[in-house]
mmCIF file of all heavy atoms, coordinates in Angstrom:
data_MODEL
# 
_entry.id   MODEL 
# 
loop_
_atom_site.group_PDB 
_atom_site.id 
_atom_site.type_symbol 
_atom_site.label_atom_id 
_atom_site.label_alt_id 
_atom_site.label_comp_id 
_atom_site.label_asym_id 
_atom_site.label_entity_id 
_atom_site.label_seq_id 
_atom_site.pdbx_PDB_ins_code 
_atom_site.Cartn_x 
_atom_site.Cartn_y 
_atom_site.Cartn_z 
_atom_site.occupancy 
_atom_site.B_iso_or_equiv 
_atom_site.pdbx_formal_charge 
_atom_site.auth_seq_id 
_atom_site.auth_comp_id 
_atom_site.auth_asym_id 
_atom_site.auth_atom_id 
_atom_site.pdbx_PDB_model_num 
ATOM 1   N N   . CYS A 1 1  ? 103.629 82.648  101.462 1.00 0.00 ? 1  CYS A N   1 
ATOM 2   C CA  . CYS A 1 1  ? 104.620 82.636  102.542 1.00 0.00 ? 1  CYS A CA  1 
ATOM 3   C C   . CYS A 1 1  ? 105.979 83.329  102.008 1.00 0.00 ? 1  CYS A C   1 
ATOM 4   O O   . CYS A 1 1  ? 106.706 84.057  102.712 1.00 0.00 ? 1  CYS A O   1 
ATOM 5   C CB  . CYS A 1 1  ? 105.008 81.216  102.926 1.00 0.00 ? 1  CYS A CB  1 
ATOM 6   S SG  . CYS A 1 1  ? 103.648 80.459  103.846 1.00 0.00 ? 1  CYS A SG  1 
ATOM 7   N N   . VAL A 1 2  ? 106.306 83.073  100.670 1.00 0.00 ? 2  VAL A N   1 
ATOM 8   C CA  . VAL A 1 2  ? 107.483 83.670  100.035 1.00 0.00 ? 2  VAL A CA  1 
ATOM 9   C C   . VAL A 1 2  ? 107.352 85.145  100.036 1.00 0.00 ? 2  VAL A C   1 
ATOM 10  O O   . VAL A 1 2  ? 108.187 85.980  100.310 1.00 0.00 ? 2  VAL A O   1 
ATOM 11  C CB  . VAL A 1 2  ? 107.736 83.051  98.570  1.00 0.00 ? 2  VAL A CB  1 
ATOM 12  C CG1 . VAL A 1 2  ? 108.712 83.867  97.891  1.00 0.00 ? 2  VAL A CG1 1 
ATOM 13  C CG2 . VAL A 1 2  ? 108.199 81.619  98.792  1.00 0.00 ? 2  VAL A CG2 1 
ATOM 14  N N   . MET A 1 3  ? 106.130 85.668  99.705  1.00 0.00 ? 3  MET A N   1 
ATOM 15  C CA  . MET A 1 3  ? 105.921 87.066  99.605  1.00 0.00 ? 3  MET A CA  1 
ATOM 16  C C   . MET A 1 3  ? 105.949 87.769  101.046 1.00 0.00 ? 3  MET A C   1 
ATOM 17  O O   . MET A 1 3  ? 106.546 88.819  101.102 1.00 0.00 ? 3  MET A O   1 
ATOM 18  C CB  . MET A 1 3  ? 104.533 87.383  99.069  1.00 0.00 ? 3  MET A CB  1 
ATOM 19  C CG  . MET A 1 3  ? 104.514 87.170  97.574  1.00 0.00 ? 3  MET A CG  1 
ATOM 20  S SD  . MET A 1 3  ? 105.668 88.010  96.567  1.00 0.00 ? 3  MET A SD  1 
ATOM 21  C CE  . MET A 1 3  ? 105.040 89.642  96.892  1.00 0.00 ? 3  MET A CE  1 
ATOM 22  N N   . ILE A 1 4  ? 105.410 87.045  102.035 1.00 0.00 ? 4  ILE A N   1 
ATOM 23  C CA  . ILE A 1 4  ? 105.697 87.619  103.417 1.00 0.00 ? 4  ILE A CA  1 
ATOM 24  C C   . ILE A 1 4  ? 107.160 87.831  103.723 1.00 0.00 ? 4  ILE A C   1 
ATOM 25  O O   . ILE A 1 4  ? 107.541 88.834  104.275 1.00 0.00 ? 4  ILE A O   1 
ATOM 26  C CB  . ILE A 1 4  ? 104.901 86.820  104.450 1.00 0.00 ? 4  ILE A CB  1 
ATOM 27  C CG1 . ILE A 1 4  ? 103.410 86.982  104.179 1.00 0.00 ? 4  ILE A CG1 1 
ATOM 28  C CG2 . ILE A 1 4  ? 105.269 87.265  105.753 1.00 0.00 ? 4  ILE A CG2 1 
ATOM 29  C CD1 . ILE A 1 4  ? 102.609 86.040  105.035 1.00 0.00 ? 4  ILE A CD1 1 
ATOM 30  N N   . ALA A 1 5  ? 107.940 86.687  103.437 1.00 0.00 ? 5  ALA A N   1 
ATOM 31  C CA  . ALA A 1 5  ? 109.378 86.711  103.733 1.00 0.00 ? 5  ALA A CA  1 
ATOM 32  C C   . ALA A 1 5  ? 110.031 87.750  102.926 1.00 0.00 ? 5  ALA A C   1 
ATOM 33  O O   . ALA A 1 5  ? 110.906 88.560  103.530 1.00 0.00 ? 5  ALA A O   1 
ATOM 34  C CB  . ALA A 1 5  ? 109.898 85.406  103.524 1.00 0.00 ? 5  ALA A CB  1 
ATOM 35  N N   . LEU A 1 6  ? 109.602 88.017  101.649 1.00 0.00 ? 6  LEU A N   1 
ATOM 36  C CA  . LEU A 1 6  ? 110.233 88.985  100.834 1.00 0.00 ? 6  LEU A CA  1 
ATOM 37  C C   . LEU A 1 6  ? 109.894 90.352  101.283 1.00 0.00 ? 6  LEU A C   1 
ATOM 38  O O   . LEU A 1 6  ? 110.815 91.307  101.304 1.00 0.00 ? 6  LEU A O   1 
ATOM 39  C CB  . LEU A 1 6  ? 109.787 88.917  99.408  1.00 0.00 ? 6  LEU A CB  1 
ATOM 40  C CG  . LEU A 1 6  ? 110.368 89.669  98.370  1.00 0.00 ? 6  LEU A CG  1 
ATOM 41  C CD1 . LEU A 1 6  ? 111.942 89.389  98.237  1.00 0.00 ? 6  LEU A CD1 1 
ATOM 42  C CD2 . LEU A 1 6  ? 109.749 89.538  96.956  1.00 0.00 ? 6  LEU A CD2 1 
ATOM 43  N N   . ILE A 1 7  ? 108.762 90.585  101.837 1.00 0.00 ? 7  ILE A N   1 
ATOM 44  C CA  . ILE A 1 7  ? 108.356 91.914  102.365 1.00 0.00 ? 7  ILE A CA  1 
ATOM 45  C C   . ILE A 1 7  ? 109.051 92.288  103.612 1.00 0.00 ? 7  ILE A C   1 
ATOM 46  O O   . ILE A 1 7  ? 109.621 93.373  103.727 1.00 0.00 ? 7  ILE A O   1 
ATOM 47  C CB  . ILE A 1 7  ? 106.824 92.012  102.616 1.00 0.00 ? 7  ILE A CB  1 
ATOM 48  C CG1 . ILE A 1 7  ? 106.014 91.972  101.197 1.00 0.00 ? 7  ILE A CG1 1 
ATOM 49  C CG2 . ILE A 1 7  ? 106.391 93.206  103.380 1.00 0.00 ? 7  ILE A CG2 1 
ATOM 50  C CD1 . ILE A 1 7  ? 104.518 91.849  101.452 1.00 0.00 ? 7  ILE A CD1 1 
ATOM 51  N N   . VAL A 1 8  ? 109.219 91.261  104.516 1.00 0.00 ? 8  VAL A N   1 
ATOM 52  C CA  . VAL A 1 8  ? 110.031 91.467  105.697 1.00 0.00 ? 8  VAL A CA  1 
ATOM 53  C C   . VAL A 1 8  ? 111.541 91.818  105.397 1.00 0.00 ? 8  VAL A C   1 
ATOM 54  O O   . VAL A 1 8  ? 112.158 92.763  105.863 1.00 0.00 ? 8  VAL A O   1 
ATOM 55  C CB  . VAL A 1 8  ? 109.840 90.346  106.598 1.00 0.00 ? 8  VAL A CB  1 
ATOM 56  C CG1 . VAL A 1 8  ? 110.890 90.499  107.768 1.00 0.00 ? 8  VAL A CG1 1 
ATOM 57  C CG2 . VAL A 1 8  ? 108.450 90.219  107.125 1.00 0.00 ? 8  VAL A CG2 1 
ATOM 58  N N   . PHE A 1 9  ? 112.017 91.000  104.394 1.00 0.00 ? 9  PHE A N   1 
ATOM 59  C CA  . PHE A 1 9  ? 113.481 91.327  103.912 1.00 0.00 ? 9  PHE A CA  1 
ATOM 60  C C   . PHE A 1 9  ? 113.647 92.723  103.455 1.00 0.00 ? 9  PHE A C   1 
ATOM 61  O O   . PHE A 1 9  ? 114.637 93.379  103.809 1.00 0.00 ? 9  PHE A O   1 
ATOM 62  C CB  . PHE A 1 9  ? 113.897 90.239  102.947 1.00 0.00 ? 9  PHE A CB  1 
ATOM 63  C CG  . PHE A 1 9  ? 115.286 90.467  102.346 1.00 0.00 ? 9  PHE A CG  1 
ATOM 64  C CD1 . PHE A 1 9  ? 116.351 90.243  103.098 1.00 0.00 ? 9  PHE A CD1 1 
ATOM 65  C CD2 . PHE A 1 9  ? 115.322 91.049  101.120 1.00 0.00 ? 9  PHE A CD2 1 
ATOM 66  C CE1 . PHE A 1 9  ? 117.635 90.427  102.523 1.00 0.00 ? 9  PHE A CE1 1 
ATOM 67  C CE2 . PHE A 1 9  ? 116.553 91.308  100.573 1.00 0.00 ? 9  PHE A CE2 1 
ATOM 68  C CZ  . PHE A 1 9  ? 117.705 91.040  101.294 1.00 0.00 ? 9  PHE A CZ  1 
ATOM 69  N N   . ILE A 1 10 ? 112.670 93.091  102.613 1.00 0.00 ? 10 ILE A N   1 
ATOM 70  C CA  . ILE A 1 10 ? 112.929 94.324  101.862 1.00 0.00 ? 10 ILE A CA  1 
ATOM 71  C C   . ILE A 1 10 ? 112.808 95.594  102.964 1.00 0.00 ? 10 ILE A C   1 
ATOM 72  O O   . ILE A 1 10 ? 113.597 96.491  102.997 1.00 0.00 ? 10 ILE A O   1 
ATOM 73  C CB  . ILE A 1 10 ? 111.801 94.609  100.884 1.00 0.00 ? 10 ILE A CB  1 
ATOM 74  C CG1 . ILE A 1 10 ? 112.202 93.675  99.556  1.00 0.00 ? 10 ILE A CG1 1 
ATOM 75  C CG2 . ILE A 1 10 ? 111.722 96.144  100.394 1.00 0.00 ? 10 ILE A CG2 1 
ATOM 76  C CD1 . ILE A 1 10 ? 111.059 93.672  98.535  1.00 0.00 ? 10 ILE A CD1 1 
ATOM 77  N N   . ALA A 1 11 ? 111.814 95.352  103.948 1.00 0.00 ? 11 ALA A N   1 
ATOM 78  C CA  . ALA A 1 11 ? 111.708 96.343  105.002 1.00 0.00 ? 11 ALA A CA  1 
ATOM 79  C C   . ALA A 1 11 ? 112.933 96.401  105.823 1.00 0.00 ? 11 ALA A C   1 
ATOM 80  O O   . ALA A 1 11 ? 113.395 97.519  106.149 1.00 0.00 ? 11 ALA A O   1 
ATOM 81  C CB  . ALA A 1 11 ? 110.472 96.054  105.834 1.00 0.00 ? 11 ALA A CB  1 
ATOM 82  N N   . VAL A 1 12 ? 113.478 95.326  106.232 1.00 0.00 ? 12 VAL A N   1 
ATOM 83  C CA  . VAL A 1 12 ? 114.618 95.233  107.109 1.00 0.00 ? 12 VAL A CA  1 
ATOM 84  C C   . VAL A 1 12 ? 115.849 95.749  106.333 1.00 0.00 ? 12 VAL A C   1 
ATOM 85  O O   . VAL A 1 12 ? 116.659 96.592  106.983 1.00 0.00 ? 12 VAL A O   1 
ATOM 86  C CB  . VAL A 1 12 ? 114.861 93.853  107.715 1.00 0.00 ? 12 VAL A CB  1 
ATOM 87  C CG1 . VAL A 1 12 ? 116.271 93.765  108.402 1.00 0.00 ? 12 VAL A CG1 1 
ATOM 88  C CG2 . VAL A 1 12 ? 113.782 93.495  108.656 1.00 0.00 ? 12 VAL A CG2 1 
ATOM 89  N N   . ASN A 1 13 ? 116.019 95.385  105.143 1.00 0.00 ? 13 ASN A N   1 
ATOM 90  C CA  . ASN A 1 13 ? 117.122 95.811  104.330 1.00 0.00 ? 13 ASN A CA  1 
ATOM 91  C C   . ASN A 1 13 ? 117.090 97.273  104.087 1.00 0.00 ? 13 ASN A C   1 
ATOM 92  O O   . ASN A 1 13 ? 118.205 97.904  104.034 1.00 0.00 ? 13 ASN A O   1 
ATOM 93  C CB  . ASN A 1 13 ? 117.262 95.035  102.976 1.00 0.00 ? 13 ASN A CB  1 
ATOM 94  C CG  . ASN A 1 13 ? 118.552 95.174  102.265 1.00 0.00 ? 13 ASN A CG  1 
ATOM 95  O OD1 . ASN A 1 13 ? 119.505 95.355  102.875 1.00 0.00 ? 13 ASN A OD1 1 
ATOM 96  N ND2 . ASN A 1 13 ? 118.399 95.188  100.960 1.00 0.00 ? 13 ASN A ND2 1 
ATOM 97  N N   . GLY A 1 14 ? 115.989 97.861  103.829 1.00 0.00 ? 14 GLY A N   1 
ATOM 98  C CA  . GLY A 1 14 ? 115.885 99.307  103.557 1.00 0.00 ? 14 GLY A CA  1 
ATOM 99  C C   . GLY A 1 14 ? 116.179 100.010 104.821 1.00 0.00 ? 14 GLY A C   1 
ATOM 100 O O   . GLY A 1 14 ? 116.920 101.087 104.745 1.00 0.00 ? 14 GLY A O   1 
ATOM 101 N N   . GLY A 1 15 ? 115.739 99.523  106.007 1.00 0.00 ? 15 GLY A N   1 
ATOM 102 C CA  . GLY A 1 15 ? 116.168 100.294 107.261 1.00 0.00 ? 15 GLY A CA  1 
ATOM 103 C C   . GLY A 1 15 ? 117.571 100.172 107.503 1.00 0.00 ? 15 GLY A C   1 
ATOM 104 O O   . GLY A 1 15 ? 118.270 101.157 107.979 1.00 0.00 ? 15 GLY A O   1 
ATOM 105 N N   . THR A 1 16 ? 118.220 99.054  107.180 1.00 0.00 ? 16 THR A N   1 
ATOM 106 C CA  . THR A 1 16 ? 119.649 98.860  107.439 1.00 0.00 ? 16 THR A CA  1 
ATOM 107 C C   . THR A 1 16 ? 120.447 99.688  106.502 1.00 0.00 ? 16 THR A C   1 
ATOM 108 O O   . THR A 1 16 ? 121.415 100.471 106.910 1.00 0.00 ? 16 THR A O   1 
ATOM 109 C CB  . THR A 1 16 ? 119.984 97.462  107.148 1.00 0.00 ? 16 THR A CB  1 
ATOM 110 O OG1 . THR A 1 16 ? 119.215 96.575  108.033 1.00 0.00 ? 16 THR A OG1 1 
ATOM 111 C CG2 . THR A 1 16 ? 121.556 97.148  107.462 1.00 0.00 ? 16 THR A CG2 1 
ATOM 112 N N   . GLN A 1 17 ? 120.042 99.826  105.255 1.00 0.00 ? 17 GLN A N   1 
ATOM 113 C CA  . GLN A 1 17 ? 120.742 100.707 104.273 1.00 0.00 ? 17 GLN A CA  1 
ATOM 114 C C   . GLN A 1 17 ? 120.620 102.182 104.649 1.00 0.00 ? 17 GLN A C   1 
ATOM 115 O O   . GLN A 1 17 ? 121.619 102.929 104.645 1.00 0.00 ? 17 GLN A O   1 
ATOM 116 C CB  . GLN A 1 17 ? 120.175 100.548 102.842 1.00 0.00 ? 17 GLN A CB  1 
ATOM 117 C CG  . GLN A 1 17 ? 120.442 99.208  102.325 1.00 0.00 ? 17 GLN A CG  1 
ATOM 118 C CD  . GLN A 1 17 ? 121.882 98.788  102.132 1.00 0.00 ? 17 GLN A CD  1 
ATOM 119 O OE1 . GLN A 1 17 ? 122.713 99.753  101.879 1.00 0.00 ? 17 GLN A OE1 1 
ATOM 120 N NE2 . GLN A 1 17 ? 122.315 97.597  102.391 1.00 0.00 ? 17 GLN A NE2 1 
ATOM 121 N N   . LYS A 1 18 ? 119.485 102.631 105.175 1.00 0.00 ? 18 LYS A N   1 
ATOM 122 C CA  . LYS A 1 18 ? 119.292 103.999 105.571 1.00 0.00 ? 18 LYS A CA  1 
ATOM 123 C C   . LYS A 1 18 ? 120.196 104.335 106.845 1.00 0.00 ? 18 LYS A C   1 
ATOM 124 O O   . LYS A 1 18 ? 120.785 105.377 106.895 1.00 0.00 ? 18 LYS A O   1 
ATOM 125 C CB  . LYS A 1 18 ? 117.864 104.263 106.011 1.00 0.00 ? 18 LYS A CB  1 
ATOM 126 C CG  . LYS A 1 18 ? 117.465 105.687 106.397 1.00 0.00 ? 18 LYS A CG  1 
ATOM 127 C CD  . LYS A 1 18 ? 115.968 105.691 106.677 1.00 0.00 ? 18 LYS A CD  1 
ATOM 128 C CE  . LYS A 1 18 ? 115.693 107.133 107.130 1.00 0.00 ? 18 LYS A CE  1 
ATOM 129 N NZ  . LYS A 1 18 ? 114.219 107.276 107.530 1.00 0.00 ? 18 LYS A NZ  1 
ATOM 130 N N   . ARG A 1 19 ? 120.181 103.372 107.765 1.00 0.00 ? 19 ARG A N   1 
ATOM 131 C CA  . ARG A 1 19 ? 121.061 103.543 108.887 1.00 0.00 ? 19 ARG A CA  1 
ATOM 132 C C   . ARG A 1 19 ? 122.547 103.559 108.563 1.00 0.00 ? 19 ARG A C   1 
ATOM 133 O O   . ARG A 1 19 ? 123.282 104.375 109.131 1.00 0.00 ? 19 ARG A O   1 
ATOM 134 C CB  . ARG A 1 19 ? 120.720 102.361 109.980 1.00 0.00 ? 19 ARG A CB  1 
ATOM 135 C CG  . ARG A 1 19 ? 121.138 102.790 111.275 1.00 0.00 ? 19 ARG A CG  1 
ATOM 136 C CD  . ARG A 1 19 ? 120.629 101.896 112.391 1.00 0.00 ? 19 ARG A CD  1 
ATOM 137 N NE  . ARG A 1 19 ? 119.133 101.845 112.425 1.00 0.00 ? 19 ARG A NE  1 
ATOM 138 C CZ  . ARG A 1 19 ? 118.346 100.825 112.177 1.00 0.00 ? 19 ARG A CZ  1 
ATOM 139 N NH1 . ARG A 1 19 ? 118.725 99.710  111.836 1.00 0.00 ? 19 ARG A NH1 1 
ATOM 140 N NH2 . ARG A 1 19 ? 117.082 101.020 112.315 1.00 0.00 ? 19 ARG A NH2 1 
ATOM 141 N N   . LYS A 1 20 ? 122.996 102.699 107.625 1.00 0.00 ? 20 LYS A N   1 
ATOM 142 C CA  . LYS A 1 20 ? 124.337 102.743 107.140 1.00 0.00 ? 20 LYS A CA  1 
ATOM 143 C C   . LYS A 1 20 ? 124.798 104.107 106.577 1.00 0.00 ? 20 LYS A C   1 
ATOM 144 O O   . LYS A 1 20 ? 125.838 104.667 106.653 1.00 0.00 ? 20 LYS A O   1 
ATOM 145 C CB  . LYS A 1 20 ? 124.616 101.663 106.081 1.00 0.00 ? 20 LYS A CB  1 
ATOM 146 C CG  . LYS A 1 20 ? 124.866 100.290 106.689 1.00 0.00 ? 20 LYS A CG  1 
ATOM 147 C CD  . LYS A 1 20 ? 125.185 99.253  105.534 1.00 0.00 ? 20 LYS A CD  1 
ATOM 148 C CE  . LYS A 1 20 ? 125.480 97.905  105.986 1.00 0.00 ? 20 LYS A CE  1 
ATOM 149 N NZ  . LYS A 1 20 ? 125.664 96.926  104.992 1.00 0.00 ? 20 LYS A NZ  1 
ATOM 150 N N   . ALA A 1 21 ? 123.852 104.611 105.677 1.00 0.00 ? 21 ALA A N   1 
ATOM 151 C CA  . ALA A 1 21 ? 124.115 105.948 105.042 1.00 0.00 ? 21 ALA A CA  1 
ATOM 152 C C   . ALA A 1 21 ? 124.264 107.015 105.979 1.00 0.00 ? 21 ALA A C   1 
ATOM 153 O O   . ALA A 1 21 ? 125.156 107.962 105.959 1.00 0.00 ? 21 ALA A O   1 
ATOM 154 C CB  . ALA A 1 21 ? 122.958 106.233 104.022 1.00 0.00 ? 21 ALA A CB  1 
ATOM 155 N N   . ALA A 1 22 ? 123.351 107.040 107.080 1.00 0.00 ? 22 ALA A N   1 
ATOM 156 C CA  . ALA A 1 22 ? 123.344 108.057 108.075 1.00 0.00 ? 22 ALA A CA  1 
ATOM 157 C C   . ALA A 1 22 ? 124.641 107.964 108.867 1.00 0.00 ? 22 ALA A C   1 
ATOM 158 O O   . ALA A 1 22 ? 125.338 109.018 109.207 1.00 0.00 ? 22 ALA A O   1 
ATOM 159 C CB  . ALA A 1 22 ? 122.222 108.015 108.996 1.00 0.00 ? 22 ALA A CB  1 
ATOM 160 N N   . LEU A 1 23 ? 125.061 106.723 109.286 1.00 0.00 ? 23 LEU A N   1 
ATOM 161 C CA  . LEU A 1 23 ? 126.325 106.568 109.977 1.00 0.00 ? 23 LEU A CA  1 
ATOM 162 C C   . LEU A 1 23 ? 127.541 106.953 109.116 1.00 0.00 ? 23 LEU A C   1 
ATOM 163 O O   . LEU A 1 23 ? 128.530 107.450 109.660 1.00 0.00 ? 23 LEU A O   1 
ATOM 164 C CB  . LEU A 1 23 ? 126.458 105.165 110.555 1.00 0.00 ? 23 LEU A CB  1 
ATOM 165 C CG  . LEU A 1 23 ? 125.531 104.783 111.646 1.00 0.00 ? 23 LEU A CG  1 
ATOM 166 C CD1 . LEU A 1 23 ? 125.553 103.333 111.907 1.00 0.00 ? 23 LEU A CD1 1 
ATOM 167 C CD2 . LEU A 1 23 ? 125.732 105.616 112.873 1.00 0.00 ? 23 LEU A CD2 1 
ATOM 168 N N   . HIS A 1 24 ? 127.436 106.690 107.832 1.00 0.00 ? 24 HIS A N   1 
ATOM 169 C CA  . HIS A 1 24 ? 128.594 107.141 106.911 1.00 0.00 ? 24 HIS A CA  1 
ATOM 170 C C   . HIS A 1 24 ? 128.691 108.649 106.898 1.00 0.00 ? 24 HIS A C   1 
ATOM 171 O O   . HIS A 1 24 ? 129.722 109.213 106.987 1.00 0.00 ? 24 HIS A O   1 
ATOM 172 C CB  . HIS A 1 24 ? 128.359 106.593 105.564 1.00 0.00 ? 24 HIS A CB  1 
ATOM 173 C CG  . HIS A 1 24 ? 129.390 106.898 104.582 1.00 0.00 ? 24 HIS A CG  1 
ATOM 174 N ND1 . HIS A 1 24 ? 130.647 106.291 104.750 1.00 0.00 ? 24 HIS A ND1 1 
ATOM 175 C CD2 . HIS A 1 24 ? 129.444 107.809 103.490 1.00 0.00 ? 24 HIS A CD2 1 
ATOM 176 C CE1 . HIS A 1 24 ? 131.425 106.882 103.789 1.00 0.00 ? 24 HIS A CE1 1 
ATOM 177 N NE2 . HIS A 1 24 ? 130.655 107.677 103.037 1.00 0.00 ? 24 HIS A NE2 1 
ATOM 178 N N   . THR A 1 25 ? 127.483 109.279 106.827 1.00 0.00 ? 25 THR A N   1 
ATOM 179 C CA  . THR A 1 25 ? 127.494 110.767 106.877 1.00 0.00 ? 25 THR A CA  1 
ATOM 180 C C   . THR A 1 25 ? 128.145 111.300 108.226 1.00 0.00 ? 25 THR A C   1 
ATOM 181 O O   . THR A 1 25 ? 128.937 112.227 108.178 1.00 0.00 ? 25 THR A O   1 
ATOM 182 C CB  . THR A 1 25 ? 126.086 111.319 106.581 1.00 0.00 ? 25 THR A CB  1 
ATOM 183 O OG1 . THR A 1 25 ? 125.498 110.830 105.501 1.00 0.00 ? 25 THR A OG1 1 
ATOM 184 C CG2 . THR A 1 25 ? 126.077 112.878 106.602 1.00 0.00 ? 25 THR A CG2 1 
# 
């Protein structure tokens, strides 16, 4: 269960960081 939560967190966080970088550009 911890691994599933960690995978979801990493995927969501990665998408958020990518979107922030694009908006900053």
